[in-house]
C-alpha atoms as a PDB file:
ATOM      1  CA  MET A   1      81.148  85.473 110.916  1.00  0.00           C
ATOM      2  CA  ASN A   2      78.713  83.904 107.609  1.00  0.00           C
ATOM      3  CA  ILE A   3      77.681  87.482 106.465  1.00  0.00           C
ATOM      4  CA  THR A   4      81.231  88.610 106.545  1.00  0.00           C
ATOM      5  CA  TRP A   5      82.530  85.817 104.512  1.00  0.00           C
ATOM      6  CA  ARG A   6      79.306  86.771 101.907  1.00  0.00           C
ATOM      7  CA  GLU A   7      80.061  90.325 101.571  1.00  0.00           C
ATOM      8  CA  LEU A   8      83.769  89.595 100.985  1.00  0.00           C
ATOM      9  CA  GLU A   9      82.899  86.578  98.685  1.00  0.00           C
ATOM     10  CA  PHE A  10      80.703  89.359  96.933  1.00  0.00           C
ATOM     11  CA  PHE A  11      83.685  91.698  96.694  1.00  0.00           C
ATOM     12  CA  LEU A  12      86.590  89.447  95.546  1.00  0.00           C
ATOM     13  CA  THR A  13      84.463  87.585  92.835  1.00  0.00           C
ATOM     14  CA  ARG A  14      84.070  90.859  90.964  1.00  0.00           C
ATOM     15  CA  LEU A  15      87.518  91.847  91.968  1.00  0.00           C
ATOM     16  CA  LYS A  16      89.062  88.572  90.295  1.00  0.00           C
ATOM     17  CA  SER A  17      86.767  89.477  86.980  1.00  0.00           C
ATOM     18  CA  LEU A  18      88.584  92.696  86.594  1.00  0.00           C
ATOM     19  CA  PRO A  19      90.761  93.030  83.384  1.00  0.00           C
ATOM     20  CA  VAL A  20      93.906  93.721  85.725  1.00  0.00           C
ATOM     21  CA  SER A  21      93.388  90.722  87.948  1.00  0.00           C
ATOM     22  CA  LYS A  22      95.033  87.190  88.124  1.00  0.00           C
ATOM     23  CA  SER A  23      93.524  84.325  89.761  1.00  0.00           C
ATOM     24  CA  ILE A  24      93.242  80.615  90.132  1.00  0.00           C
ATOM     25  CA  SER A  25      89.909  78.397  91.056  1.00  0.00           C
ATOM     26  CA  LEU A  26      90.654  75.958  93.745  1.00  0.00           C
ATOM     27  CA  GLY A  27      86.930  74.581  93.022  1.00  0.00           C
ATOM     28  CA  ASP A  28      84.620  74.262  96.183  1.00  0.00           C
ATOM     29  CA  LYS A  29      88.100  75.481  98.247  1.00  0.00           C
ATOM     30  CA  GLY A  30      87.848  79.024  97.187  1.00  0.00           C
ATOM     31  CA  PHE A  31      90.034  81.104  94.855  1.00  0.00           C
ATOM     32  CA  CYS A  32      93.345  83.041  94.909  1.00  0.00           C
ATOM     33  CA  VAL A  33      92.995  86.476  93.203  1.00  0.00           C
ATOM     34  CA  SER A  34      95.563  89.300  92.491  1.00  0.00           C
ATOM     35  CA  THR A  35      94.902  92.722  91.360  1.00  0.00           C
ATOM     36  CA  GLY A  36      98.370  92.495  89.605  1.00  0.00           C
ATOM     37  CA  CYS A  37      99.842  95.359  91.704  1.00  0.00           C
ATOM     38  CA  ASP A  38     103.179  95.210  92.848  1.00  0.00           C
ATOM     39  CA  ILE A  39     102.181  96.396  96.141  1.00  0.00           C
ATOM     40  CA  GLU A  40     101.169  93.968  99.012  1.00  0.00           C
ATOM     41  CA  SER A  41      97.759  93.423  98.417  1.00  0.00           C
ATOM     42  CA  TRP A  42      97.446  90.048  96.548  1.00  0.00           C
ATOM     43  CA  VAL A  43      94.722  88.311  98.959  1.00  0.00           C
ATOM     44  CA  PHE A  44      93.394  84.374  99.077  1.00  0.00           C
ATOM     45  CA  TYR A  45      89.886  84.035 100.841  1.00  0.00           C
ATOM     46  CA  PRO A  46      89.043  80.247 101.036  1.00  0.00           C
ATOM     47  CA  LYS A  47      86.056  78.864 101.975  1.00  0.00           C
ATOM     48  CA  ARG A  48      87.935  76.447 104.112  1.00  0.00           C
ATOM     49  CA  VAL A  49      91.805  75.471 104.379  1.00  0.00           C
ATOM     50  CA  LYS A  50      92.182  71.626 105.132  1.00  0.00           C
ATOM     51  CA  ASN A  51      94.280  70.160 102.479  1.00  0.00           C
ATOM     52  CA  PRO A  52      97.746  70.828 102.227  1.00  0.00           C
ATOM     53  CA  GLU A  53      98.341  70.419  98.785  1.00  0.00           C
ATOM     54  CA  ILE A  54      95.863  73.310  97.874  1.00  0.00           C
ATOM     55  CA  VAL A  55      97.629  75.301 100.367  1.00  0.00           C
ATOM     56  CA  GLU A  56     101.234  74.575  98.504  1.00  0.00           C
ATOM     57  CA  ARG A  57      99.544  75.439  95.185  1.00  0.00           C
ATOM     58  CA  VAL A  58      98.439  78.754  96.683  1.00  0.00           C
ATOM     59  CA  ILE A  59     101.707  79.649  98.328  1.00  0.00           C
ATOM     60  CA  ASN A  60     103.702  78.831  94.780  1.00  0.00           C
ATOM     61  CA  PHE A  61     100.956  80.855  92.984  1.00  0.00           C
ATOM     62  CA  PHE A  62     102.194  83.938  95.125  1.00  0.00           C
ATOM     63  CA  LYS A  63     105.797  82.917  95.030  1.00  0.00           C
ATOM     64  CA  ASP A  64     105.889  82.650  91.252  1.00  0.00           C
ATOM     65  CA  GLU A  65     104.845  86.595  91.243  1.00  0.00           C
ATOM     66  CA  LYS A  66     107.295  87.434  94.090  1.00  0.00           C
ATOM     67  CA  VAL A  67     105.014  89.273  96.211  1.00  0.00           C
ATOM     68  CA  SER A  68     103.660  89.087  99.549  1.00  0.00           C
ATOM     69  CA  PHE A  69     100.247  88.388 100.618  1.00  0.00           C
ATOM     70  CA  MET A  70      97.421  87.970 103.469  1.00  0.00           C
ATOM     71  CA  TRP A  71      95.624  84.963 103.965  1.00  0.00           C
ATOM     72  CA  PRO A  72      92.606  85.733 106.070  1.00  0.00           C
ATOM     73  CA  VAL A  73      91.084  82.290 107.554  1.00  0.00           C
ATOM     74  CA  TYR A  74      87.480  81.629 107.933  1.00  0.00           C
ATOM     75  CA  ASP A  75      86.703  78.137 108.639  1.00  0.00           C
ATOM     76  CA  GLY A  76      89.490  76.755 110.691  1.00  0.00           C
ATOM     77  CA  GLY A  77      92.825  75.400 109.170  1.00  0.00           C
ATOM     78  CA  GLU A  78      95.387  77.535 111.030  1.00  0.00           C
ATOM     79  CA  LYS A  79      97.526  74.357 111.751  1.00  0.00           C
ATOM     80  CA  VAL A  80      97.502  73.779 107.953  1.00  0.00           C
ATOM     81  CA  LEU A  81      99.063  77.202 107.236  1.00  0.00           C
ATOM     82  CA  GLU A  82     101.421  77.013 109.923  1.00  0.00           C
ATOM     83  CA  ASP A  83     102.745  73.738 108.956  1.00  0.00           C
ATOM     84  CA  SER A  84     103.085  75.156 105.331  1.00  0.00           C
ATOM     85  CA  GLY A  85     105.594  77.663 107.028  1.00  0.00           C
ATOM     86  CA  LEU A  86     102.994  80.642 106.902  1.00  0.00           C
ATOM     87  CA  LEU A  87     103.319  83.056 109.611  1.00  0.00           C
ATOM     88  CA  TYR A  88     100.431  84.451 112.142  1.00  0.00           C
ATOM     89  CA  ALA A  89     100.102  88.013 111.184  1.00  0.00           C
ATOM     90  CA  GLY A  90      97.312  89.482 113.367  1.00  0.00           C
ATOM     91  CA  SER A  91      93.824  89.408 112.928  1.00  0.00           C
ATOM     92  CA  LEU A  92      90.920  91.511 111.307  1.00  0.00           C
ATOM     93  CA  THR A  93      87.792  92.230 112.606  1.00  0.00           C
ATOM     94  CA  GLY A  94      84.663  92.005 110.937  1.00  0.00           C
ATOM     95  CA  MET A  95      82.412  94.670 112.002  1.00  0.00           C
ATOM     96  CA  ILE A  96      78.756  95.843 111.158  1.00  0.00           C
ATOM     97  CA  TYR A  97      77.083  99.336 111.430  1.00  0.00           C
ATOM     98  CA  GLU A  98      73.225 100.018 110.750  1.00  0.00           C
ATOM     99  CA  PRO A  99      72.666 103.563 110.227  1.00  0.00           C
ATOM    100  CA  GLY A 100      68.541 102.954 110.425  1.00  0.00           C
ATOM    101  CA  THR A 101      67.562 105.649 107.973  1.00  0.00           C
ATOM    102  CA  SER A 102      67.320 105.982 104.254  1.00  0.00           C
ATOM    103  CA  ASN A 103      68.420 108.449 101.915  1.00  0.00           C
ATOM    104  CA  SER A 104      67.448 107.099  98.409  1.00  0.00           C
ATOM    105  CA  ASN A 105      68.704 110.538  96.743  1.00  0.00           C
ATOM    106  CA  ALA A 106      72.047 109.832  98.019  1.00  0.00           C
ATOM    107  CA  ALA A 107      72.206 106.335  97.223  1.00  0.00           C
ATOM    108  CA  GLN A 108      71.633 106.961  93.396  1.00  0.00           C
ATOM    109  CA  GLU A 109      74.602 109.675  93.174  1.00  0.00           C
ATOM    110  CA  SER A 110      77.287 108.953  91.142  1.00  0.00           C
ATOM    111  CA  SER A 111      81.313 109.991  92.581  1.00  0.00           C
ATOM    112  CA  ASN A 112      82.218 111.078  89.039  1.00  0.00           C
ATOM    113  CA  ILE A 113      85.895 111.130  90.123  1.00  0.00           C
ATOM    114  CA  ASN A 114      88.885 110.709  88.170  1.00  0.00           C
ATOM    115  CA  SER A 115      90.269 107.505  89.181  1.00  0.00           C
ATOM    116  CA  ASP A 116      93.952 108.884  89.053  1.00  0.00           C
ATOM    117  CA  ASP A 117      92.793 111.202  91.702  1.00  0.00           C
ATOM    118  CA  TRP A 118      91.546 108.391  93.991  1.00  0.00           C
ATOM    119  CA  ALA A 119      94.467 106.187  93.281  1.00  0.00           C
ATOM    120  CA  ARG A 120      96.825 109.139  94.455  1.00  0.00           C
ATOM    121  CA  THR A 121      94.801 109.779  97.566  1.00  0.00           C
ATOM    122  CA  ALA A 122      94.394 106.203  98.601  1.00  0.00           C
ATOM    123  CA  TRP A 123      97.730 105.323  98.081  1.00  0.00           C
ATOM    124  CA  HIS A 124      98.869 108.076 100.089  1.00  0.00           C
ATOM    125  CA  GLY A 125      96.583 107.390 102.785  1.00  0.00           C
ATOM    126  CA  PHE A 126      97.768 104.039 103.391  1.00  0.00           C
ATOM    127  CA  GLY A 127     101.395 105.483 103.536  1.00  0.00           C
ATOM    128  CA  GLY A 128     102.633 105.769 100.227  1.00  0.00           C
ATOM    129  CA  SER A 129     104.069 109.044  98.417  1.00  0.00           C
ATOM    130  CA  VAL A 130     101.634 110.736  95.823  1.00  0.00           C
ATOM    131  CA  ASP A 131     104.647 111.062  93.283  1.00  0.00           C
ATOM    132  CA  ASP A 132     105.535 107.141  93.701  1.00  0.00           C
ATOM    133  CA  VAL A 133     102.112 105.463  92.776  1.00  0.00           C
ATOM    134  CA  PRO A 134     102.697 102.451  90.605  1.00  0.00           C
ATOM    135  CA  GLY A 135     101.488 102.203  87.232  1.00  0.00           C
ATOM    136  CA  ASN A 136      99.665  98.838  88.256  1.00  0.00           C
ATOM    137  CA  TYR A 137      97.813 100.593  90.768  1.00  0.00           C
ATOM    138  CA  PHE A 138      96.356 103.150  88.545  1.00  0.00           C
ATOM    139  CA  ALA A 139      95.477 100.391  86.249  1.00  0.00           C
ATOM    140  CA  LEU A 140      93.756  98.525  89.111  1.00  0.00           C
ATOM    141  CA  VAL A 141      91.638 101.575  90.282  1.00  0.00           C
ATOM    142  CA  LYS A 142      90.694 102.536  86.561  1.00  0.00           C
ATOM    143  CA  SER A 143      89.504  99.038  86.159  1.00  0.00           C
ATOM    144  CA  PHE A 144      86.943  99.324  88.942  1.00  0.00           C
ATOM    145  CA  ASP A 145      84.819 101.114  86.528  1.00  0.00           C
ATOM    146  CA  ASP A 146      84.287  98.031  84.934  1.00  0.00           C
ATOM    147  CA  ALA A 147      82.624  96.652  88.293  1.00  0.00           C
ATOM    148  CA  PRO A 148      79.105  98.524  88.366  1.00  0.00           C
ATOM    149  CA  GLU A 149      78.779  97.671  92.240  1.00  0.00           C
ATOM    150  CA  PHE A 150      82.045  99.307  92.942  1.00  0.00           C
ATOM    151  CA  SER A 151      81.890 103.420  93.830  1.00  0.00           C
ATOM    152  CA  LEU A 152      84.720 105.331  94.498  1.00  0.00           C
ATOM    153  CA  HIS A 153      84.474 108.420  96.507  1.00  0.00           C
ATOM    154  CA  LEU A 154      86.781 111.205  97.903  1.00  0.00           C
ATOM    155  CA  HIS A 155      86.805 113.585 100.458  1.00  0.00           C
ATOM    156  CA  LYS A 156      87.780 117.162 100.782  1.00  0.00           C
ATOM    157  CA  ALA A 157      88.581 119.221 103.885  1.00  0.00           C
ATOM    158  CA  GLU A 158      86.397 122.281 104.396  1.00  0.00           C
ATOM    159  CA  GLU A 159      89.437 124.477 105.244  1.00  0.00           C
ATOM    160  CA  ASN A 160      91.096 123.290 102.257  1.00  0.00           C
ATOM    161  CA  LEU A 161      88.761 122.643  99.086  1.00  0.00           C
ATOM    162  CA  GLU A 162      92.039 122.138  96.540  1.00  0.00           C
ATOM    163  CA  LYS A 163      93.519 119.215  98.421  1.00  0.00           C
ATOM    164  CA  PHE A 164      91.784 115.838  98.760  1.00  0.00           C
ATOM    165  CA  ALA A 165      91.764 114.691 102.462  1.00  0.00           C
ATOM    166  CA  GLY A 166      90.574 111.015 102.202  1.00  0.00           C
ATOM    167  CA  SER A 167      89.350 108.028 100.074  1.00  0.00           C
ATOM    168  CA  PHE A 168      86.889 105.068 100.358  1.00  0.00           C
ATOM    169  CA  MET A 169      85.246 102.642  97.722  1.00  0.00           C
ATOM    170  CA  LEU A 170      81.603 101.047  98.594  1.00  0.00           C
ATOM    171  CA  VAL A 171      80.797  97.881  97.522  1.00  0.00           C
ATOM    172  CA  ASN A 172      76.793  97.572  97.061  1.00  0.00           C
ATOM    173  CA  GLU A 173      75.214  94.436  97.756  1.00  0.00           C
ATOM    174  CA  PRO A 174      71.079  94.131  97.683  1.00  0.00           C
ATOM    175  CA  ASP A 175      70.961  94.233 101.490  1.00  0.00           C
ATOM    176  CA  SER A 176      74.432  95.664 102.577  1.00  0.00           C
ATOM    177  CA  THR A 177      77.082  98.056 101.943  1.00  0.00           C
ATOM    178  CA  GLY A 178      80.851  97.109 102.237  1.00  0.00           C
ATOM    179  CA  VAL A 179      83.781  99.618 102.965  1.00  0.00           C
ATOM    180  CA  TYR A 180      87.137  99.391 101.411  1.00  0.00           C
ATOM    181  CA  TYR A 181      90.352 101.375 101.023  1.00  0.00           C
ATOM    182  CA  PHE A 182      89.092 103.632 103.895  1.00  0.00           C
ATOM    183  CA  ALA A 183      91.889 106.042 104.620  1.00  0.00           C
ATOM    184  CA  THR A 184      92.825 109.388 105.776  1.00  0.00           C
ATOM    185  CA  VAL A 185      95.956 111.188 104.314  1.00  0.00           C
ATOM    186  CA  PRO A 186      98.590 111.357 106.774  1.00  0.00           C
ATOM    187  CA  GLU A 187      98.516 115.387 107.180  1.00  0.00           C
ATOM    188  CA  MET A 188      94.969 115.497 107.593  1.00  0.00           C
ATOM    189  CA  ARG A 189      94.379 113.292 110.491  1.00  0.00           C
ATOM    190  CA  ARG A 190      92.953 114.003 113.570  1.00  0.00           C
ATOM    191  CA  LYS A 191      90.599 116.964 112.118  1.00  0.00           C
ATOM    192  CA  GLY A 192      87.480 114.848 111.912  1.00  0.00           C
ATOM    193  CA  ILE A 193      87.705 114.123 108.332  1.00  0.00           C
ATOM    194  CA  ALA A 194      87.486 110.126 108.931  1.00  0.00           C
ATOM    195  CA  ASN A 195      84.347 110.858 110.938  1.00  0.00           C
ATOM    196  CA  SER A 196      82.985 113.032 108.075  1.00  0.00           C
ATOM    197  CA  MET A 197      83.552 110.438 105.381  1.00  0.00           C
ATOM    198  CA  MET A 198      81.636 107.672 107.809  1.00  0.00           C
ATOM    199  CA  LYS A 199      78.693 110.068 107.926  1.00  0.00           C
ATOM    200  CA  GLU A 200      78.940 110.364 104.272  1.00  0.00           C
ATOM    201  CA  ILE A 201      78.986 106.386 103.759  1.00  0.00           C
ATOM    202  CA  CYS A 202      76.018 106.304 106.204  1.00  0.00           C
ATOM    203  CA  LYS A 203      73.847 108.374 103.739  1.00  0.00           C
ATOM    204  CA  LEU A 204      75.280 106.541 100.723  1.00  0.00           C
ATOM    205  CA  SER A 205      74.352 103.160 102.062  1.00  0.00           C
ATOM    206  CA  ASN A 206      70.449 104.195 101.755  1.00  0.00           C
ATOM    207  CA  GLY A 207      69.853 102.332 105.143  1.00  0.00           C
ATOM    208  CA  LYS A 208      71.481  99.463 104.428  1.00  0.00           C
ATOM    209  CA  LYS A 209      73.741  97.798 107.058  1.00  0.00           C
ATOM    210  CA  ILE A 210      77.383  98.468 106.699  1.00  0.00           C
ATOM    211  CA  LEU A 211      80.107  95.758 106.609  1.00  0.00           C
ATOM    212  CA  LEU A 212      84.229  96.212 107.006  1.00  0.00           C
ATOM    213  CA  GLN A 213      86.782  94.600 108.088  1.00  0.00           C
ATOM    214  CA  ALA A 214      88.962  96.725 110.399  1.00  0.00           C
ATOM    215  CA  THR A 215      92.798  96.553 111.061  1.00  0.00           C
ATOM    216  CA  PRO A 216      94.116  96.676 114.651  1.00  0.00           C
ATOM    217  CA  ALA A 217      94.899 100.295 114.028  1.00  0.00           C
ATOM    218  CA  GLY A 218      91.253 101.229 112.759  1.00  0.00           C
ATOM    219  CA  LEU A 219      89.456  99.317 115.433  1.00  0.00           C
ATOM    220  CA  PRO A 220      89.304 102.030 118.130  1.00  0.00           C
ATOM    221  CA  PHE A 221      87.943 104.271 115.228  1.00  0.00           C
ATOM    222  CA  TYR A 222      85.070 102.197 114.407  1.00  0.00           C
ATOM    223  CA  LYS A 223      84.004 101.049 117.976  1.00  0.00           C
ATOM    224  CA  ASN A 224      83.817 104.697 118.640  1.00  0.00           C
ATOM    225  CA  PHE A 225      81.678 105.385 115.888  1.00  0.00           C
ATOM    226  CA  GLY A 226      79.245 103.097 116.970  1.00  0.00           C
ATOM    227  CA  PHE A 227      80.480  99.522 114.770  1.00  0.00           C
ATOM    228  CA  GLU A 228      79.818  96.275 116.266  1.00  0.00           C
ATOM    229  CA  GLU A 229      82.161  93.336 116.034  1.00  0.00           C
ATOM    230  CA  LEU A 230      80.829  90.505 114.635  1.00  0.00           C
ATOM    231  CA  CYS A 231      84.075  88.182 114.447  1.00  0.00           C
ATOM    232  CA  LYS A 232      87.775  88.064 114.626  1.00  0.00           C
ATOM    233  CA  ILE A 233      89.547  87.005 111.404  1.00  0.00           C
ATOM    234  CA  PRO A 234      93.019  85.387 111.801  1.00  0.00           C
ATOM    235  CA  VAL A 235      95.311  86.494 109.049  1.00  0.00           C
ATOM    236  CA  TYR A 236      98.563  84.539 107.738  1.00  0.00           C
ATOM    237  CA  SER A 237     101.095  85.674 105.638  1.00  0.00           C
ATOM    238  CA  ASP A 238     104.815  84.901 104.321  1.00  0.00           C
ATOM    239  CA  SER A 239     105.534  88.227 106.751  1.00  0.00           C
ATOM    240  CA  ASN A 240     104.438  88.822 110.286  1.00  0.00           C
ATOM    241  CA  ASP A 241     104.207  92.597 109.190  1.00  0.00           C
ATOM    242  CA  VAL A 242     101.427  93.049 107.038  1.00  0.00           C
ATOM    243  CA  PHE A 243      99.221  95.722 109.552  1.00  0.00           C
END
């Protein structure tokens, strides 16, 4: 649990510093962060959830922007969220994988990709249309260039090198690599793309442990690849249909 929270805090602390992000500090209780996008990806990661007044402040922060959000819970407080009217939406699974090998050349490579191509591929991979990507999402992805710990990657299928088949983003900590936005476009699924991307991530991790938070849909794949469960992370929202 601790290593999962630390890696997420590392990622979100950098995310909230991006030009398109909005955030409010809650002192030692954590912070709210929004990507500024009109998609359901506003996220709040608290260190603890104990104070109903803080919970109310968070909920109002999101309501003012009229967007949905997810609230993973790491240190108890489920009852406080439920009493505030939020709904249990399921759970994420913190997972870890240790490649056990090092590839220093791969670790130094830059993806050098077009951020708009990545945005379209990731958006499509998560169920959206490549012709209907919100402008704010393009802005968010472009702003990732301002965070040197973030690196964007695209994957092409061998049988169709003109088309991007999947995407992922790596967040590089000194002793671990976090994986985010891991997705395969719908028409290229069940063709080994996800497995190929994960093998690429293992090379790029330079032997460091790999951490991610799996949704229920992605859990079987990660387990089959060899990831081990670290913890279950309850998720609350204003909707019970976030996964």
